[in-house]
């Protein structure tokens, strides 16, 4: 896997972890669920090279 792809995946993980933690702190289980549902597709886009 290319270094750029790894960096993008790491940045995605950090972004989603921050957003999930914020949603948990706000007691927003609905937002947590939405973020959890979105994450695999976002990661797959990076792996496919679809995301900028």
Protein backbone atom coordinates (compact mmCIF):
# COMPACT_ATOMS: atom_id res chain seq x y z
CA UNK A 1 0.00 0.00 0.00
CA UNK A 2 1.35 3.44 -0.90
CA UNK A 3 2.41 5.81 1.85
CA UNK A 4 -0.06 8.44 0.64
CA UNK A 5 -2.91 5.96 0.95
CA UNK A 6 -1.82 4.99 4.45
CA UNK A 7 -1.66 8.65 5.46
CA UNK A 8 -5.14 9.29 4.06
CA UNK A 9 -6.53 6.28 5.92
CA UNK A 10 -4.89 7.44 9.14
CA UNK A 11 -6.33 10.94 8.68
CA UNK A 12 -9.76 9.45 8.03
CA UNK A 13 -9.54 7.35 11.19
CA UNK A 14 -8.51 10.38 13.23
CA UNK A 15 -11.34 12.47 11.79
CA UNK A 16 -13.97 9.84 12.45
CA UNK A 17 -12.64 9.10 15.94
CA UNK A 18 -12.86 12.81 16.78
CA UNK A 19 -16.39 13.07 15.37
CA UNK A 20 -17.59 9.91 17.14
CA UNK A 21 -16.09 11.04 20.44
CA UNK A 22 -17.77 14.42 20.07
CA UNK A 23 -21.10 12.77 19.27
CA UNK A 24 -20.77 10.48 22.29
CA UNK A 25 -20.03 13.50 24.45
CA UNK A 26 -23.21 15.15 23.16
CA UNK A 27 -25.21 11.95 23.77
CA UNK A 28 -25.95 11.73 20.03
CA UNK A 29 -26.30 8.01 19.48
CA UNK A 30 -27.98 8.70 16.15
CA UNK A 31 -24.91 10.56 14.90
CA UNK A 32 -22.58 7.87 16.23
CA UNK A 33 -24.54 5.25 14.29
CA UNK A 34 -24.45 7.34 11.11
CA UNK A 35 -20.69 7.87 11.39
CA UNK A 36 -20.11 4.16 12.02
CA UNK A 37 -22.19 3.34 8.94
CA UNK A 38 -20.30 5.85 6.76
CA UNK A 39 -16.76 4.92 7.77
CA UNK A 40 -16.29 1.69 5.76
CA UNK A 41 -17.47 3.38 2.56
CA UNK A 42 -15.16 6.35 3.13
CA UNK A 43 -12.21 4.01 3.73
CA UNK A 44 -13.07 1.98 0.65
CA UNK A 45 -13.14 5.13 -1.48
CA UNK A 46 -9.60 5.90 -0.33
CA UNK A 47 -8.45 2.36 -1.08
CA UNK A 48 -9.99 2.54 -4.54
CA UNK A 49 -8.43 5.95 -5.17
CA UNK A 50 -11.86 7.59 -5.53
CA UNK A 51 -11.38 10.25 -2.84
CA UNK A 52 -9.35 13.39 -3.33
